[in-house]
Each structure stands twice: as C-alpha cells, then as structure tokens.
Amino acid sequence: MLLGFLSCKEAIARLDDYIDRELSPREMILVARHLKICAHCAREFAFEAELVAGLRAKIQRIEAPPELLQKIRASLPDSPEN
C-alpha cells in the first residue's frame, strides 16, 4: 500500500472482507477509493457482491427441521441435554 492507495492486487485481496464489512474503517475507505477509480476492480466487486447477495438470499430460505437441530444440540459437549 503506497501513500494511502491500494494496488489492484491489494484491493482484490480485500473484496470478501469489504463485502462483509470486516475491514477496519481505514481499509474500507481505501478499498472504496480504489473501486471508484478502477473499472476492472469495480466489475469484480459488482460480480462478487451480487454472488454473495444471491447466496445469502438462498440461505435465509433454508430452514433445518426441528429434529435435526435437536440432534445437533444433543451431540454438542456442553449441551444441557447431555
């Protein structure tokens, strides 16, 4: 990272954490700044963000049967059911 700017390699390496908002505030700003000036990385970000949003939407619709959840809880070492 040179003078507060990220290279494409550095920005791409941070995209997953940027999408999940897991970067420091400074790094969030640096990635956002890079995406504003780099069309290639902006396209990569748009693709990854759309993919993640689609996966999250599908995951939210999946619900495990109550019996499965009970079996999982019972198998955990600190489970009060054991």
PDB file of N, CA and C in Angstrom:
ATOM      1  N   MET A   1       0.852  -1.167   0.000  1.00  0.00           N
ATOM      2  CA  MET A   1       0.000   0.000   0.000  1.00  0.00           C
ATOM      3  C   MET A   1       0.898   1.230   0.000  1.00  0.00           C
ATOM      4  N   LEU A   2       0.732   2.082  -0.977  1.00  0.00           N
ATOM      5  CA  LEU A   2       1.600   3.244  -1.126  1.00  0.00           C
ATOM      6  C   LEU A   2       0.790   4.521  -0.961  1.00  0.00           C
ATOM      7  N   LEU A   3       1.164   5.362  -0.009  1.00  0.00           N
ATOM      8  CA  LEU A   3       0.536   6.670   0.188  1.00  0.00           C
ATOM      9  C   LEU A   3      -0.987   6.610   0.288  1.00  0.00           C
ATOM     10  N   GLY A   4      -1.510   5.592   0.934  1.00  0.00           N
ATOM     11  CA  GLY A   4      -2.946   5.518   1.127  1.00  0.00           C
ATOM     12  C   GLY A   4      -3.736   5.030  -0.069  1.00  0.00           C
ATOM     13  N   PHE A   5      -3.075   4.444  -1.046  1.00  0.00           N
ATOM     14  CA  PHE A   5      -3.770   3.886  -2.201  1.00  0.00           C
ATOM     15  C   PHE A   5      -3.461   2.399  -2.286  1.00  0.00           C
ATOM     16  N   LEU A   6      -4.426   1.633  -2.735  1.00  0.00           N
ATOM     17  CA  LEU A   6      -4.238   0.197  -2.893  1.00  0.00           C
ATOM     18  C   LEU A   6      -3.960  -0.142  -4.350  1.00  0.00           C
ATOM     19  N   SER A   7      -3.143  -1.161  -4.543  1.00  0.00           N
ATOM     20  CA  SER A   7      -2.974  -1.711  -5.889  1.00  0.00           C
ATOM     21  C   SER A   7      -4.191  -2.587  -6.180  1.00  0.00           C
ATOM     22  N   CYS A   8      -4.345  -2.975  -7.426  1.00  0.00           N
ATOM     23  CA  CYS A   8      -5.441  -3.881  -7.776  1.00  0.00           C
ATOM     24  C   CYS A   8      -5.332  -5.182  -6.979  1.00  0.00           C
ATOM     25  N   LYS A   9      -4.129  -5.712  -6.875  1.00  0.00           N
ATOM     26  CA  LYS A   9      -3.919  -6.959  -6.139  1.00  0.00           C
ATOM     27  C   LYS A   9      -4.352  -6.807  -4.682  1.00  0.00           C
ATOM     28  N   GLU A  10      -4.000  -5.687  -4.060  1.00  0.00           N
ATOM     29  CA  GLU A  10      -4.376  -5.447  -2.663  1.00  0.00           C
ATOM     30  C   GLU A  10      -5.885  -5.264  -2.513  1.00  0.00           C
ATOM     31  N   ALA A  11      -6.493  -4.550  -3.449  1.00  0.00           N
ATOM     32  CA  ALA A  11      -7.941  -4.319  -3.387  1.00  0.00           C
ATOM     33  C   ALA A  11      -8.707  -5.625  -3.577  1.00  0.00           C
ATOM     34  N   ILE A  12      -8.320  -6.403  -4.574  1.00  0.00           N
ATOM     35  CA  ILE A  12      -8.993  -7.679  -4.842  1.00  0.00           C
ATOM     36  C   ILE A  12      -8.865  -8.612  -3.643  1.00  0.00           C
ATOM     37  N   ALA A  13      -7.705  -8.626  -3.003  1.00  0.00           N
ATOM     38  CA  ALA A  13      -7.489  -9.485  -1.837  1.00  0.00           C
ATOM     39  C   ALA A  13      -8.405  -9.117  -0.674  1.00  0.00           C
ATOM     40  N   ARG A  14      -8.894  -7.895  -0.651  1.00  0.00           N
ATOM     41  CA  ARG A  14      -9.743  -7.429   0.444  1.00  0.00           C
ATOM     42  C   ARG A  14     -11.238  -7.432   0.105  1.00  0.00           C
ATOM     43  N   LEU A  15     -11.607  -7.810  -1.108  1.00  0.00           N
ATOM     44  CA  LEU A  15     -13.009  -7.704  -1.524  1.00  0.00           C
ATOM     45  C   LEU A  15     -13.969  -8.503  -0.649  1.00  0.00           C
ATOM     46  N   ASP A  16     -13.622  -9.731  -0.310  1.00  0.00           N
ATOM     47  CA  ASP A  16     -14.526 -10.533   0.526  1.00  0.00           C
ATOM     48  C   ASP A  16     -14.794  -9.841   1.857  1.00  0.00           C
ATOM     49  N   ASP A  17     -13.737  -9.379   2.495  1.00  0.00           N
ATOM     50  CA  ASP A  17     -13.904  -8.692   3.776  1.00  0.00           C
ATOM     51  C   ASP A  17     -14.600  -7.347   3.602  1.00  0.00           C
ATOM     52  N   TYR A  18     -14.399  -6.695   2.473  1.00  0.00           N
ATOM     53  CA  TYR A  18     -15.080  -5.430   2.184  1.00  0.00           C
ATOM     54  C   TYR A  18     -16.585  -5.674   2.053  1.00  0.00           C
ATOM     55  N   ILE A  19     -16.952  -6.704   1.323  1.00  0.00           N
ATOM     56  CA  ILE A  19     -18.368  -7.039   1.145  1.00  0.00           C
ATOM     57  C   ILE A  19     -19.008  -7.358   2.491  1.00  0.00           C
ATOM     58  N   ASP A  20     -18.286  -8.068   3.349  1.00  0.00           N
ATOM     59  CA  ASP A  20     -18.803  -8.444   4.671  1.00  0.00           C
ATOM     60  C   ASP A  20     -18.609  -7.354   5.721  1.00  0.00           C
ATOM     61  N   ARG A  21     -18.011  -6.240   5.319  1.00  0.00           N
ATOM     62  CA  ARG A  21     -17.737  -5.107   6.218  1.00  0.00           C
ATOM     63  C   ARG A  21     -16.891  -5.529   7.427  1.00  0.00           C
ATOM     64  N   GLU A  22     -15.875  -6.323   7.144  1.00  0.00           N
ATOM     65  CA  GLU A  22     -14.988  -6.821   8.189  1.00  0.00           C
ATOM     66  C   GLU A  22     -13.623  -6.143   8.177  1.00  0.00           C
ATOM     67  N   LEU A  23     -13.454  -5.120   7.363  1.00  0.00           N
ATOM     68  CA  LEU A  23     -12.194  -4.372   7.328  1.00  0.00           C
ATOM     69  C   LEU A  23     -12.244  -3.245   8.348  1.00  0.00           C
ATOM     70  N   SER A  24     -11.082  -2.734   8.669  1.00  0.00           N
ATOM     71  CA  SER A  24     -11.027  -1.549   9.527  1.00  0.00           C
ATOM     72  C   SER A  24     -11.644  -0.379   8.762  1.00  0.00           C
ATOM     73  N   PRO A  25     -12.079   0.656   9.462  1.00  0.00           N
ATOM     74  CA  PRO A  25     -12.635   1.823   8.761  1.00  0.00           C
ATOM     75  C   PRO A  25     -11.673   2.385   7.712  1.00  0.00           C
ATOM     76  N   ARG A  26     -10.388   2.421   8.030  1.00  0.00           N
ATOM     77  CA  ARG A  26      -9.394   2.940   7.083  1.00  0.00           C
ATOM     78  C   ARG A  26      -9.336   2.076   5.827  1.00  0.00           C
ATOM     79  N   GLU A  27      -9.312   0.756   6.024  1.00  0.00           N
ATOM     80  CA  GLU A  27      -9.251  -0.144   4.870  1.00  0.00           C
ATOM     81  C   GLU A  27     -10.532  -0.083   4.040  1.00  0.00           C
ATOM     82  N   MET A  28     -11.677   0.086   4.695  1.00  0.00           N
ATOM     83  CA  MET A  28     -12.942   0.235   3.957  1.00  0.00           C
ATOM     84  C   MET A  28     -12.857   1.437   3.022  1.00  0.00           C
ATOM     85  N   ILE A  29     -12.308   2.532   3.531  1.00  0.00           N
ATOM     86  CA  ILE A  29     -12.167   3.752   2.729  1.00  0.00           C
ATOM     87  C   ILE A  29     -11.200   3.525   1.577  1.00  0.00           C
ATOM     88  N   LEU A  30     -10.080   2.857   1.859  1.00  0.00           N
ATOM     89  CA  LEU A  30      -9.087   2.608   0.812  1.00  0.00           C
ATOM     90  C   LEU A  30      -9.652   1.739  -0.312  1.00  0.00           C
ATOM     91  N   VAL A  31     -10.396   0.701   0.055  1.00  0.00           N
ATOM     92  CA  VAL A  31     -10.984  -0.159  -0.977  1.00  0.00           C
ATOM     93  C   VAL A  31     -12.031   0.625  -1.761  1.00  0.00           C
ATOM     94  N   ALA A  32     -12.877   1.367  -1.072  1.00  0.00           N
ATOM     95  CA  ALA A  32     -13.905   2.165  -1.754  1.00  0.00           C
ATOM     96  C   ALA A  32     -13.265   3.163  -2.715  1.00  0.00           C
ATOM     97  N   ARG A  33     -12.194   3.792  -2.275  1.00  0.00           N
ATOM     98  CA  ARG A  33     -11.478   4.755  -3.130  1.00  0.00           C
ATOM     99  C   ARG A  33     -10.935   4.060  -4.374  1.00  0.00           C
ATOM    100  N   HIS A  34     -10.365   2.880  -4.186  1.00  0.00           N
ATOM    101  CA  HIS A  34      -9.822   2.140  -5.323  1.00  0.00           C
ATOM    102  C   HIS A  34     -10.938   1.758  -6.302  1.00  0.00           C
ATOM    103  N   LEU A  35     -12.075   1.302  -5.768  1.00  0.00           N
ATOM    104  CA  LEU A  35     -13.176   0.878  -6.633  1.00  0.00           C
ATOM    105  C   LEU A  35     -13.741   2.032  -7.456  1.00  0.00           C
ATOM    106  N   LYS A  36     -13.624   3.245  -6.945  1.00  0.00           N
ATOM    107  CA  LYS A  36     -14.111   4.417  -7.685  1.00  0.00           C
ATOM    108  C   LYS A  36     -13.243   4.747  -8.893  1.00  0.00           C
ATOM    109  N   ILE A  37     -11.966   4.388  -8.821  1.00  0.00           N
ATOM    110  CA  ILE A  37     -11.057   4.772  -9.908  1.00  0.00           C
ATOM    111  C   ILE A  37     -10.637   3.607 -10.803  1.00  0.00           C
ATOM    112  N   CYS A  38     -11.007   2.380 -10.428  1.00  0.00           N
ATOM    113  CA  CYS A  38     -10.556   1.206 -11.189  1.00  0.00           C
ATOM    114  C   CYS A  38     -11.766   0.420 -11.699  1.00  0.00           C
ATOM    115  N   ALA A  39     -12.020   0.522 -12.982  1.00  0.00           N
ATOM    116  CA  ALA A  39     -13.177  -0.154 -13.580  1.00  0.00           C
ATOM    117  C   ALA A  39     -13.069  -1.674 -13.470  1.00  0.00           C
ATOM    118  N   HIS A  40     -11.867  -2.207 -13.639  1.00  0.00           N
ATOM    119  CA  HIS A  40     -11.676  -3.662 -13.553  1.00  0.00           C
ATOM    120  C   HIS A  40     -12.067  -4.175 -12.166  1.00  0.00           C
ATOM    121  N   CYS A  41     -11.547  -3.551 -11.134  1.00  0.00           N
ATOM    122  CA  CYS A  41     -11.846  -3.989  -9.767  1.00  0.00           C
ATOM    123  C   CYS A  41     -13.305  -3.718  -9.407  1.00  0.00           C
ATOM    124  N   ALA A  42     -13.866  -2.634  -9.925  1.00  0.00           N
ATOM    125  CA  ALA A  42     -15.276  -2.328  -9.679  1.00  0.00           C
ATOM    126  C   ALA A  42     -16.169  -3.419 -10.274  1.00  0.00           C
ATOM    127  N   ARG A  43     -15.821  -3.924 -11.458  1.00  0.00           N
ATOM    128  CA  ARG A  43     -16.583  -5.021 -12.066  1.00  0.00           C
ATOM    129  C   ARG A  43     -16.453  -6.292 -11.232  1.00  0.00           C
ATOM    130  N   GLU A  44     -15.252  -6.571 -10.767  1.00  0.00           N
ATOM    131  CA  GLU A  44     -15.030  -7.752  -9.924  1.00  0.00           C
ATOM    132  C   GLU A  44     -15.838  -7.636  -8.632  1.00  0.00           C
ATOM    133  N   PHE A  45     -15.827  -6.449  -8.043  1.00  0.00           N
ATOM    134  CA  PHE A  45     -16.606  -6.211  -6.825  1.00  0.00           C
ATOM    135  C   PHE A  45     -18.099  -6.414  -7.093  1.00  0.00           C
ATOM    136  N   ALA A  46     -18.614  -5.855  -8.180  1.00  0.00           N
ATOM    137  CA  ALA A  46     -20.041  -5.985  -8.503  1.00  0.00           C
ATOM    138  C   ALA A  46     -20.423  -7.452  -8.670  1.00  0.00           C
ATOM    139  N   PHE A  47     -19.569  -8.217  -9.346  1.00  0.00           N
ATOM    140  CA  PHE A  47     -19.824  -9.647  -9.536  1.00  0.00           C
ATOM    141  C   PHE A  47     -19.862 -10.372  -8.193  1.00  0.00           C
ATOM    142  N   GLU A  48     -18.841 -10.145  -7.367  1.00  0.00           N
ATOM    143  CA  GLU A  48     -18.767 -10.834  -6.079  1.00  0.00           C
ATOM    144  C   GLU A  48     -19.899 -10.412  -5.149  1.00  0.00           C
ATOM    145  N   ALA A  49     -20.228  -9.132  -5.127  1.00  0.00           N
ATOM    146  CA  ALA A  49     -21.304  -8.643  -4.263  1.00  0.00           C
ATOM    147  C   ALA A  49     -22.643  -9.254  -4.675  1.00  0.00           C
ATOM    148  N   GLU A  50     -22.881  -9.360  -5.980  1.00  0.00           N
ATOM    149  CA  GLU A  50     -24.126  -9.963  -6.465  1.00  0.00           C
ATOM    150  C   GLU A  50     -24.176 -11.449  -6.119  1.00  0.00           C
ATOM    151  N   LEU A  51     -23.056 -12.129  -6.251  1.00  0.00           N
ATOM    152  CA  LEU A  51     -22.976 -13.545  -5.911  1.00  0.00           C
ATOM    153  C   LEU A  51     -23.263 -13.762  -4.428  1.00  0.00           C
ATOM    154  N   VAL A  52     -22.638 -12.978  -3.577  1.00  0.00           N
ATOM    155  CA  VAL A  52     -22.839 -13.097  -2.130  1.00  0.00           C
ATOM    156  C   VAL A  52     -24.294 -12.797  -1.766  1.00  0.00           C
ATOM    157  N   ALA A  53     -24.866 -11.761  -2.351  1.00  0.00           N
ATOM    158  CA  ALA A  53     -26.263 -11.414  -2.068  1.00  0.00           C
ATOM    159  C   ALA A  53     -27.197 -12.558  -2.463  1.00  0.00           C
ATOM    160  N   GLY A  54     -26.933 -13.167  -3.602  1.00  0.00           N
ATOM    161  CA  GLY A  54     -27.746 -14.298  -4.039  1.00  0.00           C
ATOM    162  C   GLY A  54     -27.634 -15.488  -3.102  1.00  0.00           C
ATOM    163  N   LEU A  55     -26.423 -15.783  -2.675  1.00  0.00           N
ATOM    164  CA  LEU A  55     -26.217 -16.892  -1.737  1.00  0.00           C
ATOM    165  C   LEU A  55     -26.895 -16.618  -0.403  1.00  0.00           C
ATOM    166  N   ARG A  56     -26.768 -15.402   0.096  1.00  0.00           N
ATOM    167  CA  ARG A  56     -27.413 -15.053   1.370  1.00  0.00           C
ATOM    168  C   ARG A  56     -28.927 -15.169   1.267  1.00  0.00           C
ATOM    169  N   ALA A  57     -29.494 -14.765   0.155  1.00  0.00           N
ATOM    170  CA  ALA A  57     -30.946 -14.865  -0.034  1.00  0.00           C
ATOM    171  C   ALA A  57     -31.388 -16.327  -0.013  1.00  0.00           C
ATOM    172  N   LYS A  58     -30.618 -17.198  -0.654  1.00  0.00           N
ATOM    173  CA  LYS A  58     -30.961 -18.622  -0.664  1.00  0.00           C
ATOM    174  C   LYS A  58     -30.805 -19.238   0.720  1.00  0.00           C
ATOM    175  N   ILE A  59     -29.751 -18.878   1.422  1.00  0.00           N
ATOM    176  CA  ILE A  59     -29.506 -19.431   2.755  1.00  0.00           C
ATOM    177  C   ILE A  59     -30.621 -19.047   3.713  1.00  0.00           C
ATOM    178  N   GLN A  60     -31.123 -17.832   3.618  1.00  0.00           N
ATOM    179  CA  GLN A  60     -32.177 -17.382   4.520  1.00  0.00           C
ATOM    180  C   GLN A  60     -33.459 -18.186   4.327  1.00  0.00           C
ATOM    181  N   ARG A  61     -33.665 -18.747   3.146  1.00  0.00           N
ATOM    182  CA  ARG A  61     -34.878 -19.514   2.878  1.00  0.00           C
ATOM    183  C   ARG A  61     -34.768 -20.962   3.332  1.00  0.00           C
ATOM    184  N   ILE A  62     -33.578 -21.409   3.660  1.00  0.00           N
ATOM    185  CA  ILE A  62     -33.380 -22.796   4.074  1.00  0.00           C
ATOM    186  C   ILE A  62     -33.553 -22.875   5.588  1.00  0.00           C
ATOM    187  N   GLU A  63     -34.430 -23.772   6.016  1.00  0.00           N
ATOM    188  CA  GLU A  63     -34.644 -23.945   7.447  1.00  0.00           C
ATOM    189  C   GLU A  63     -34.473 -25.422   7.785  1.00  0.00           C
ATOM    190  N   ALA A  64     -33.661 -25.693   8.773  1.00  0.00           N
ATOM    191  CA  ALA A  64     -33.425 -27.074   9.177  1.00  0.00           C
ATOM    192  C   ALA A  64     -34.639 -27.585   9.953  1.00  0.00           C
ATOM    193  N   PRO A  65     -34.961 -28.864   9.790  1.00  0.00           N
ATOM    194  CA  PRO A  65     -36.072 -29.441  10.556  1.00  0.00           C
ATOM    195  C   PRO A  65     -35.749 -29.412  12.055  1.00  0.00           C
ATOM    196  N   PRO A  66     -36.745 -29.214  12.909  1.00  0.00           N
ATOM    197  CA  PRO A  66     -36.503 -29.147  14.360  1.00  0.00           C
ATOM    198  C   PRO A  66     -35.779 -30.383  14.899  1.00  0.00           C
ATOM    199  N   GLU A  67     -36.091 -31.569  14.335  1.00  0.00           N
ATOM    200  CA  GLU A  67     -35.437 -32.796  14.816  1.00  0.00           C
ATOM    201  C   GLU A  67     -33.925 -32.743  14.589  1.00  0.00           C
ATOM    202  N   LEU A  68     -33.524 -32.196  13.460  1.00  0.00           N
ATOM    203  CA  LEU A  68     -32.098 -32.082  13.158  1.00  0.00           C
ATOM    204  C   LEU A  68     -31.426 -31.144  14.150  1.00  0.00           C
ATOM    205  N   LEU A  69     -32.058 -30.025  14.424  1.00  0.00           N
ATOM    206  CA  LEU A  69     -31.486 -29.076  15.386  1.00  0.00           C
ATOM    207  C   LEU A  69     -31.362 -29.711  16.769  1.00  0.00           C
ATOM    208  N   GLN A  70     -32.351 -30.492  17.184  1.00  0.00           N
ATOM    209  CA  GLN A  70     -32.289 -31.164  18.486  1.00  0.00           C
ATOM    210  C   GLN A  70     -31.135 -32.165  18.525  1.00  0.00           C
ATOM    211  N   LYS A  71     -30.954 -32.917  17.439  1.00  0.00           N
ATOM    212  CA  LYS A  71     -29.858 -33.893  17.386  1.00  0.00           C
ATOM    213  C   LYS A  71     -28.501 -33.198  17.448  1.00  0.00           C
ATOM    214  N   ILE A  72     -28.381 -32.092  16.749  1.00  0.00           N
ATOM    215  CA  ILE A  72     -27.115 -31.350  16.761  1.00  0.00           C
ATOM    216  C   ILE A  72     -26.838 -30.823  18.157  1.00  0.00           C
ATOM    217  N   ARG A  73     -27.841 -30.206  18.776  1.00  0.00           N
ATOM    218  CA  ARG A  73     -27.656 -29.670  20.133  1.00  0.00           C
ATOM    219  C   ARG A  73     -27.301 -30.779  21.120  1.00  0.00           C
ATOM    220  N   ALA A  74     -27.947 -31.929  20.995  1.00  0.00           N
ATOM    221  CA  ALA A  74     -27.685 -33.045  21.902  1.00  0.00           C
ATOM    222  C   ALA A  74     -26.276 -33.599  21.725  1.00  0.00           C
ATOM    223  N   SER A  75     -25.713 -33.464  20.537  1.00  0.00           N
ATOM    224  CA  SER A  75     -24.376 -34.011  20.294  1.00  0.00           C
ATOM    225  C   SER A  75     -23.255 -33.085  20.749  1.00  0.00           C
ATOM    226  N   LEU A  76     -23.583 -31.838  21.058  1.00  0.00           N
ATOM    227  CA  LEU A  76     -22.560 -30.887  21.493  1.00  0.00           C
ATOM    228  C   LEU A  76     -22.124 -31.196  22.917  1.00  0.00           C
ATOM    229  N   PRO A  77     -20.827 -31.089  23.213  1.00  0.00           N
ATOM    230  CA  PRO A  77     -20.314 -31.465  24.533  1.00  0.00           C
ATOM    231  C   PRO A  77     -20.923 -30.668  25.689  1.00  0.00           C
ATOM    232  N   ASP A  78     -21.168 -29.406  25.520  1.00  0.00           N
ATOM    233  CA  ASP A  78     -21.688 -28.575  26.604  1.00  0.00           C
ATOM    234  C   ASP A  78     -23.206 -28.455  26.560  1.00  0.00           C
ATOM    235  N   SER A  79     -23.849 -29.359  25.861  1.00  0.00           N
ATOM    236  CA  SER A  79     -25.296 -29.307  25.720  1.00  0.00           C
ATOM    237  C   SER A  79     -25.972 -29.671  27.036  1.00  0.00           C
ATOM    238  N   PRO A  80     -26.968 -28.901  27.482  1.00  0.00           N
ATOM    239  CA  PRO A  80     -27.672 -29.227  28.723  1.00  0.00           C
ATOM    240  C   PRO A  80     -28.484 -30.512  28.603  1.00  0.00           C
ATOM    241  N   GLU A  81     -28.698 -30.994  27.376  1.00  0.00           N
ATOM    242  CA  GLU A  81     -29.463 -32.219  27.164  1.00  0.00           C
ATOM    243  C   GLU A  81     -28.616 -33.467  27.384  1.00  0.00           C
ATOM    244  N   ASN A  82     -27.293 -33.329  27.495  1.00  0.00           N
ATOM    245  CA  ASN A  82     -26.409 -34.496  27.684  1.00  0.00           C
ATOM    246  C   ASN A  82     -26.232 -34.784  29.146  1.00  0.00           C
TER     247      ASN A  82
END
